[in-house]
Amino acid sequence: MQSCRSEFPSAASCLTTPLFLLVCALALAGCSRQSSQPQNASPDTWAAVDGRSISRGDVEKAFLRTQDAAATLSSEEAMTIKLSILNEMILQDILLAKARALKMDVPQSDLDAAFNERKKNMTDEQFQQELKKRSLTPDDMREGLRRELLTKKLLDQEVVSKIAVSDQEITDFFNKNRAQFTLAEESYRIAQIVVTPDRAPQPTNRTGNDATTPQEAAFKVRMILERLKSGAAFADVAMDYSEDPESAQRGGDLGMVPVSALKQAPPALRDAVIGQQPGTVRVATAGGVHTVVAIVAHEQAGERNLSTPGVKDAITQTLKTRKEQLLRTAYLSAARGDADVVNYAARRVVESNGKPQ
C-alpha cells in the first residue's frame, strides 16, 4: 500500500508546507495514570469519566444518529465503530465538564437554529420517519446538538480566540514563498478527507480512526458529512479522520492544483472540482475510495502579491490553521490526560479476545 492514499496528482504550493507530525495521540493520553475508579462495572456501563458514567445506550444512540438504516454490518464491524464513538464521547464528556465549570451554555435560539438546519429540505413527516428509522426522538437529536455546540463554544473560547497572526508573519511567509505565488495556469485550491475500505499499516490521523471494510467506510463518510454540516471545521475533521497520511497532517489541504493536473485525476474526482465554486463540498468515489473534497479557492494564471485580493487572507488562514492545530491538539491531550478514565467496553473486548459485547 502506498504511503499516501490521495487520488489527486501532487502539486507544489506555498500553502502546502508540511507540518511536523503531532504525536500526542488522544487515545493514548493519560494511559499510565492510575485510575481511582472501580475496575468492575455493570454490563450497561461502557466507560467512566471522573466518576460520570457513559452507558451502552448513550453509545447506541450516537451510533444510530449516523447509521444508514439499510446498511448491514457484522457484529465486529458495528463494535469497531461503537468503540470509536465511545472514545469521542469520553473526550466530549471531559470538554462538557470544563464548559460547565466555566458556566457556559448554549442559547435556545442557537439550538433551535441548529435543529432546523438539520431538518432542512425535509417535511415534518419525513423528519419524523427518519428519526423513527434510527430509534431516536427529537429530544435525543436536540441533546446531541446541544453537546456539539457546547464543546465547539468551549474550544472557540479556549483555543480559537487565542490564535493571532501578525502582519510581519504574513509578510515573512510571502517572502519565503514568493516564487510559488506565480500560477502558470488556472488552478483550484482544494482540501480533502480520504476514506478507504482497508486498514493502513500505521495510524494516518490524530484519532487513529481507520475504516476496514466498505460498510465501515460508507458509515464513516456519513459521519464526516454530519460533522461538517453541524459546523465543524473541515481542517479539524480532516486531521481527525482522513486516511491520507500526508494531507491529514495539514487539515486536508492540497494547495493550488493546476487544472491540467486535475484533468489527469479519476473522472469522479475531476468533476468534483473543475467548475465548482469556492465553498463547495462534494463526495467523489473511485475504486472504493471515498474523497470528501472542499473547494477553497479558484485562481486564474498570473503573478500575485500581497495586494492581490485573497492572497493575504489565504496566508492568514494558513498560519492560523497551523497555530490552531498545535494548540487544539495540546489542549485536548492535556484535558484527556488530566481526567480519570476507564473504558470498560474496550477492556471487555480485549478480555474476550475480540468478541463483540
Protein backbone atom coordinates (compact mmCIF):
# COMPACT_ATOMS: atom_id res chain seq x y z
CA MET A 1 0.00 0.00 0.00
CA GLN A 2 1.30 3.43 -0.83
CA SER A 3 2.09 5.80 1.99
CA CYS A 4 -0.21 8.46 0.56
CA ARG A 5 -3.65 7.34 -0.49
CA SER A 6 -4.79 10.52 -2.19
CA GLU A 7 -6.08 10.10 -5.76
CA PHE A 8 -5.14 13.65 -6.72
CA PRO A 9 -1.88 14.34 -8.57
CA SER A 10 0.72 16.09 -6.41
CA ALA A 11 1.15 19.85 -6.72
CA ALA A 12 3.66 22.24 -5.17
CA SER A 13 2.22 25.26 -3.41
CA CYS A 14 3.07 27.91 -0.87
CA LEU A 15 0.09 26.69 1.16
CA THR A 16 1.17 23.02 1.46
CA THR A 17 4.33 23.25 3.57
CA PRO A 18 4.23 20.04 5.70
CA LEU A 19 3.75 20.45 9.44
CA PHE A 20 5.68 18.38 11.94
CA LEU A 21 3.64 15.30 12.88
CA LEU A 22 1.92 15.85 16.22
CA VAL A 23 2.42 12.60 18.08
CA CYS A 24 0.24 13.28 21.12
CA ALA A 25 -2.49 10.77 20.19
CA LEU A 26 -5.63 11.38 22.23
CA ALA A 27 -6.40 7.70 22.62
CA LEU A 28 -3.13 7.16 24.46
CA ALA A 29 -3.08 10.31 26.56
CA GLY A 30 -3.06 9.54 30.25
CA CYS A 31 -2.76 5.78 29.73
CA SER A 32 -0.20 5.50 32.51
CA ARG A 33 -2.43 7.27 35.01
CA GLN A 34 -3.57 5.09 37.90
CA SER A 35 -7.37 5.15 37.96
CA SER A 36 -9.16 5.57 41.27
CA GLN A 37 -12.42 4.27 39.79
CA PRO A 38 -13.83 0.76 40.33
CA GLN A 39 -12.29 -1.75 37.93
CA ASN A 40 -15.60 -3.60 37.51
CA ALA A 41 -18.89 -2.15 36.37
CA SER A 42 -22.29 -3.32 35.18
CA PRO A 43 -22.51 -4.52 31.55
CA ASP A 44 -24.51 -1.39 30.74
CA THR A 45 -21.66 0.90 31.82
CA TRP A 46 -19.27 1.26 28.90
CA ALA A 47 -16.99 3.94 30.35
CA ALA A 48 -16.50 6.16 33.37
CA VAL A 49 -15.01 9.65 33.27
CA ASP A 50 -14.15 11.24 36.62
CA GLY A 51 -16.96 9.23 38.18
CA ARG A 52 -19.51 10.05 35.43
CA SER A 53 -20.85 7.04 33.52
CA ILE A 54 -21.30 6.64 29.78
CA SER A 55 -23.82 3.88 29.16
CA ARG A 56 -24.24 1.43 26.34
CA GLY A 57 -27.49 3.22 25.50
CA ASP A 58 -25.64 6.54 25.12
CA VAL A 59 -23.28 4.97 22.59
CA GLU A 60 -26.09 3.19 20.74
CA LYS A 61 -27.98 6.48 20.29
CA ALA A 62 -24.87 8.19 18.93
CA PHE A 63 -24.32 5.22 16.61
CA LEU A 64 -27.87 5.39 15.29
CA ARG A 65 -27.61 9.12 14.54
CA THR A 66 -25.26 8.46 11.63
CA GLN A 67 -26.04 4.85 10.78
CA ASP A 68 -27.78 4.08 7.49
CA ALA A 69 -30.83 2.03 8.43
CA ALA A 70 -30.37 -0.04 5.27
CA ALA A 71 -26.70 -0.84 5.94
CA THR A 72 -25.70 -4.33 7.00
CA LEU A 73 -22.76 -4.51 9.39
CA SER A 74 -21.25 -7.56 11.03
CA SER A 75 -21.18 -7.57 14.82
CA GLU A 76 -17.41 -6.96 14.69
CA GLU A 77 -17.77 -4.01 12.29
CA ALA A 78 -20.52 -2.45 14.39
CA MET A 79 -18.50 -2.85 17.59
CA THR A 80 -15.43 -1.28 15.99
CA ILE A 81 -17.47 1.78 15.07
CA LYS A 82 -19.08 1.95 18.51
CA LEU A 83 -15.70 1.85 20.27
CA SER A 84 -14.56 4.74 18.09
CA ILE A 85 -17.73 6.65 19.00
CA LEU A 86 -17.15 5.84 22.68
CA ASN A 87 -13.65 7.33 22.56
CA GLU A 88 -15.11 10.51 21.12
CA MET A 89 -17.85 10.58 23.75
CA ILE A 90 -15.24 10.23 26.51
CA LEU A 91 -13.39 13.28 25.22
CA GLN A 92 -16.66 15.16 24.72
CA ASP A 93 -17.68 14.39 28.32
CA ILE A 94 -14.38 15.85 29.55
CA LEU A 95 -14.92 19.00 27.49
CA LEU A 96 -18.52 19.37 28.65
CA ALA A 97 -17.34 19.22 32.27
CA LYS A 98 -14.89 22.03 31.53
CA ALA A 99 -17.70 24.04 29.90
CA ARG A 100 -19.90 23.59 32.98
CA ALA A 101 -17.05 24.72 35.23
CA LEU A 102 -16.81 27.88 33.12
CA LYS A 103 -20.64 28.30 33.37
CA MET A 104 -21.07 28.08 29.61
CA ASP A 105 -24.40 27.31 27.99
CA VAL A 106 -25.98 27.23 24.54
CA PRO A 107 -28.72 29.83 23.90
CA GLN A 108 -32.05 28.28 22.97
CA SER A 109 -32.06 30.32 19.75
CA ASP A 110 -28.76 28.71 18.65
CA LEU A 111 -30.07 25.25 19.44
CA ASP A 112 -33.29 25.90 17.52
CA ALA A 113 -31.31 27.16 14.53
CA ALA A 114 -29.07 24.07 14.51
CA PHE A 115 -32.08 21.77 14.86
CA ASN A 116 -33.89 23.46 11.96
CA GLU A 117 -30.75 23.27 9.83
CA ARG A 118 -30.58 19.50 10.35
CA LYS A 119 -34.17 19.00 9.21
CA LYS A 120 -33.88 21.44 6.31
CA ASN A 121 -35.30 20.18 2.99
CA MET A 122 -37.44 17.60 4.82
CA THR A 123 -41.11 17.84 5.72
CA ASP A 124 -42.07 17.23 9.34
CA GLU A 125 -43.38 13.81 8.36
CA GLN A 126 -40.16 12.88 6.56
CA PHE A 127 -38.11 14.07 9.51
CA GLN A 128 -40.17 12.02 11.98
CA GLN A 129 -39.82 8.95 9.75
CA GLU A 130 -36.05 9.40 9.60
CA LEU A 131 -35.86 9.65 13.39
CA LYS A 132 -38.02 6.56 13.76
CA LYS A 133 -35.71 4.57 11.46
CA ARG A 134 -32.86 5.41 13.82
CA SER A 135 -34.87 4.81 17.04
CA LEU A 136 -34.38 8.43 18.04
CA THR A 137 -36.64 11.20 19.32
CA PRO A 138 -36.48 14.95 18.64
CA ASP A 139 -35.21 15.36 22.23
CA ASP A 140 -32.36 12.92 21.50
CA MET A 141 -31.43 14.97 18.44
CA ARG A 142 -31.57 18.24 20.38
CA GLU A 143 -29.40 16.87 23.18
CA GLY A 144 -26.80 15.67 20.70
CA LEU A 145 -26.77 19.07 19.03
CA ARG A 146 -26.52 20.85 22.39
CA ARG A 147 -23.46 18.85 23.30
CA GLU A 148 -21.83 19.51 19.93
CA LEU A 149 -22.49 23.25 20.13
CA LEU A 150 -21.26 23.49 23.71
CA THR A 151 -17.96 21.73 23.01
CA LYS A 152 -17.46 23.95 19.98
CA LYS A 153 -18.13 27.03 22.10
CA LEU A 154 -15.57 25.86 24.66
CA LEU A 155 -12.89 25.24 22.02
CA ASP A 156 -13.65 28.56 20.33
CA GLN A 157 -13.01 30.33 23.64
CA GLU A 158 -10.07 28.28 24.90
CA VAL A 159 -8.29 27.71 21.57
CA VAL A 160 -9.54 29.63 18.54
CA SER A 161 -9.88 33.02 20.23
CA LYS A 162 -6.27 32.86 21.39
CA ILE A 163 -4.80 32.50 17.89
CA ALA A 164 -3.34 35.65 16.35
CA VAL A 165 -1.36 36.24 13.15
CA SER A 166 0.70 39.42 12.78
CA ASP A 167 1.31 41.39 9.59
CA GLN A 168 5.01 40.60 9.95
CA GLU A 169 4.28 36.86 9.96
CA ILE A 170 2.21 37.24 6.80
CA THR A 171 4.96 39.24 5.08
CA ASP A 172 7.64 36.75 6.13
CA PHE A 173 5.58 33.85 4.81
CA PHE A 174 5.07 35.59 1.47
CA ASN A 175 8.76 36.48 1.11
CA LYS A 176 9.88 32.94 1.87
CA ASN A 177 7.47 31.54 -0.73
CA ARG A 178 7.40 34.39 -3.25
CA ALA A 179 8.13 32.25 -6.32
CA GLN A 180 5.21 29.97 -5.57
CA PHE A 181 2.68 32.80 -5.81
CA THR A 182 3.00 32.85 -9.58
CA LEU A 183 0.50 30.48 -11.21
CA ALA A 184 1.41 29.21 -14.65
CA GLU A 185 -2.20 28.18 -15.30
CA GLU A 186 -5.70 28.21 -13.88
CA SER A 187 -5.73 26.37 -10.55
CA TYR A 188 -8.01 25.31 -7.70
CA ARG A 189 -7.03 25.28 -4.06
CA ILE A 190 -8.63 22.18 -2.62
CA ALA A 191 -8.75 20.18 0.61
CA GLN A 192 -9.69 16.55 1.04
CA ILE A 193 -10.74 13.89 3.52
CA VAL A 194 -9.93 10.41 2.23
CA VAL A 195 -11.74 7.28 3.45
CA THR A 196 -10.68 3.83 2.24
CA PRO A 197 -12.20 0.37 2.84
CA ASP A 198 -8.92 -1.15 4.03
CA ARG A 199 -6.73 -0.68 7.08
CA ALA A 200 -3.48 1.24 6.78
CA PRO A 201 -0.29 -0.33 8.20
CA GLN A 202 0.09 2.59 10.63
CA PRO A 203 -2.13 5.41 12.04
CA THR A 204 -2.88 8.14 9.50
CA ASN A 205 -4.78 10.67 11.61
CA ARG A 206 -4.73 12.01 15.15
CA THR A 207 -7.60 9.82 16.41
CA GLY A 208 -6.38 6.57 14.85
CA ASN A 209 -9.78 6.14 13.17
CA ASP A 210 -9.49 3.89 10.10
CA ALA A 211 -12.27 2.11 8.20
CA THR A 212 -11.54 -1.53 7.39
CA THR A 213 -14.48 -2.58 5.20
CA PRO A 214 -16.68 -0.97 2.52
CA GLN A 215 -19.53 -0.80 5.05
CA GLU A 216 -17.39 0.95 7.67
CA ALA A 217 -16.08 3.35 5.02
CA ALA A 218 -19.62 4.29 3.94
CA PHE A 219 -20.65 4.80 7.57
CA LYS A 220 -17.58 6.94 8.20
CA VAL A 221 -18.32 9.21 5.23
CA ARG A 222 -21.86 9.81 6.51
CA MET A 223 -20.46 10.64 9.94
CA ILE A 224 -17.95 13.08 8.41
CA LEU A 225 -20.67 14.84 6.44
CA GLU A 226 -22.78 15.11 9.60
CA ARG A 227 -19.89 16.79 11.40
CA LEU A 228 -19.27 19.22 8.57
CA LYS A 229 -22.98 20.01 8.37
CA SER A 230 -23.03 20.75 12.10
CA GLY A 231 -20.34 23.40 11.62
CA ALA A 232 -17.12 21.50 12.38
CA ALA A 233 -14.09 22.99 10.63
CA PHE A 234 -13.02 20.98 7.58
CA ALA A 235 -9.37 21.06 8.72
CA ASP A 236 -10.26 19.59 12.14
CA VAL A 237 -12.35 16.79 10.64
CA ALA A 238 -9.57 16.01 8.15
CA MET A 239 -6.92 15.80 10.88
CA ASP A 240 -9.20 13.53 12.95
CA TYR A 241 -10.50 11.19 10.23
CA SER A 242 -8.72 11.45 6.87
CA GLU A 243 -6.88 8.28 5.89
CA ASP A 244 -4.39 10.07 3.65
CA PRO A 245 -1.37 10.35 6.00
CA GLU A 246 0.23 13.30 4.20
CA SER A 247 -2.69 15.69 3.76
CA ALA A 248 -4.36 14.74 7.09
CA GLN A 249 -1.47 16.43 8.90
CA ARG A 250 -2.28 19.67 7.05
CA GLY A 251 -6.01 19.57 7.68
CA GLY A 252 -6.58 18.04 4.25
CA ASP A 253 -5.01 20.98 2.40
CA LEU A 254 -3.63 20.09 -1.03
CA GLY A 255 -2.82 23.66 -2.01
CA MET A 256 -3.25 25.06 -5.51
CA VAL A 257 -3.69 22.24 -8.02
CA PRO A 258 -3.43 23.16 -11.76
CA VAL A 259 -6.37 22.30 -13.98
CA SER A 260 -4.04 20.21 -16.16
CA ALA A 261 -3.25 18.02 -13.15
CA LEU A 262 -6.90 17.77 -12.16
CA LYS A 263 -7.77 16.52 -15.64
CA GLN A 264 -5.47 13.55 -15.02
CA ALA A 265 -7.36 12.55 -11.87
CA PRO A 266 -10.12 9.88 -11.94
CA PRO A 267 -13.31 11.33 -13.51
CA ALA A 268 -15.26 11.41 -10.24
CA LEU A 269 -12.55 13.47 -8.53
CA ARG A 270 -12.00 15.70 -11.55
CA ASP A 271 -15.70 16.52 -11.81
CA ALA A 272 -15.92 17.19 -8.06
CA VAL A 273 -13.50 20.10 -8.51
CA ILE A 274 -13.45 21.60 -12.01
CA GLY A 275 -16.25 24.12 -12.48
CA GLN A 276 -17.25 24.15 -8.80
CA GLN A 277 -17.48 27.33 -6.74
CA PRO A 278 -15.35 28.01 -3.63
CA GLY A 279 -17.15 26.75 -0.54
CA THR A 280 -18.50 23.67 -2.31
CA VAL A 281 -18.08 20.29 -0.61
CA ARG A 282 -18.66 17.13 -2.62
CA VAL A 283 -18.04 13.41 -2.24
CA ALA A 284 -16.28 11.54 -5.04
CA THR A 285 -15.94 7.75 -5.06
CA ALA A 286 -13.45 5.94 -7.26
CA GLY A 287 -12.19 2.37 -6.87
CA GLY A 288 -13.89 2.02 -3.49
CA VAL A 289 -12.10 5.08 -2.10
CA HIS A 290 -14.30 7.97 -0.93
CA THR A 291 -12.90 11.50 -1.09
CA VAL A 292 -14.72 14.40 0.55
CA VAL A 293 -13.50 17.39 -1.46
CA ALA A 294 -13.74 21.05 -0.42
CA ILE A 295 -13.14 23.84 -2.94
CA VAL A 296 -11.22 26.53 -1.06
CA ALA A 297 -10.33 28.91 -3.90
CA HIS A 298 -10.25 29.23 -7.70
CA GLU A 299 -7.46 31.29 -9.26
CA GLN A 300 -6.55 32.25 -12.81
CA ALA A 301 -2.99 32.17 -14.15
CA GLY A 302 -0.72 35.09 -13.29
CA GLU A 303 1.61 36.64 -10.73
CA ARG A 304 0.19 37.53 -7.33
CA ASN A 305 1.45 39.65 -4.45
CA LEU A 306 0.16 40.74 -1.05
CA SER A 307 -2.07 43.38 -2.63
CA THR A 308 -3.79 40.80 -4.83
CA PRO A 309 -7.30 40.15 -3.49
CA GLY A 310 -7.44 36.97 -1.46
CA VAL A 311 -3.69 36.39 -1.09
CA LYS A 312 -3.28 37.98 2.33
CA ASP A 313 -6.45 36.30 3.59
CA ALA A 314 -5.26 32.91 2.34
CA ILE A 315 -1.88 33.26 4.04
CA THR A 316 -3.54 34.44 7.25
CA GLN A 317 -5.83 31.43 7.26
CA THR A 318 -2.95 29.04 6.61
CA LEU A 319 -0.92 30.46 9.51
CA LYS A 320 -3.96 30.46 11.81
CA THR A 321 -4.70 26.85 10.92
CA ARG A 322 -1.14 25.81 11.77
CA LYS A 323 -1.25 27.51 15.15
CA GLU A 324 -4.74 26.26 15.93
CA GLN A 325 -3.81 22.66 15.08
CA LEU A 326 -0.98 22.77 17.58
CA LEU A 327 -2.90 24.49 20.38
CA ARG A 328 -6.04 22.39 19.88
CA THR A 329 -4.10 19.12 19.93
CA ALA A 330 -2.20 20.19 23.05
CA TYR A 331 -5.41 21.35 24.78
CA LEU A 332 -7.29 18.11 24.06
CA SER A 333 -4.34 15.94 25.02
CA ALA A 334 -3.92 17.80 28.32
CA ALA A 335 -7.66 17.56 29.04
CA ARG A 336 -7.67 13.81 28.38
CA GLY A 337 -4.51 13.28 30.40
CA ASP A 338 -5.90 15.14 33.42
CA ALA A 339 -9.09 13.06 33.51
CA ASP A 340 -9.64 9.75 35.29
CA VAL A 341 -10.98 7.47 32.54
CA VAL A 342 -11.87 3.79 32.46
CA ASN A 343 -13.04 2.34 29.12
CA TYR A 344 -14.91 -0.76 30.31
CA ALA A 345 -16.25 -1.68 26.85
CA ALA A 346 -12.79 -1.75 25.29
CA ARG A 347 -11.43 -3.74 28.24
CA ARG A 348 -14.18 -6.36 27.86
CA VAL A 349 -13.46 -6.76 24.15
CA VAL A 350 -9.78 -7.30 24.92
CA GLU A 351 -10.52 -9.78 27.72
CA SER A 352 -12.90 -11.72 25.45
CA ASN A 353 -10.26 -11.90 22.67
CA GLY A 354 -12.21 -9.66 20.33
CA LYS A 355 -15.73 -10.88 20.98
CA PRO A 356 -18.27 -8.03 20.48
CA GLN A 357 -20.04 -7.06 23.68
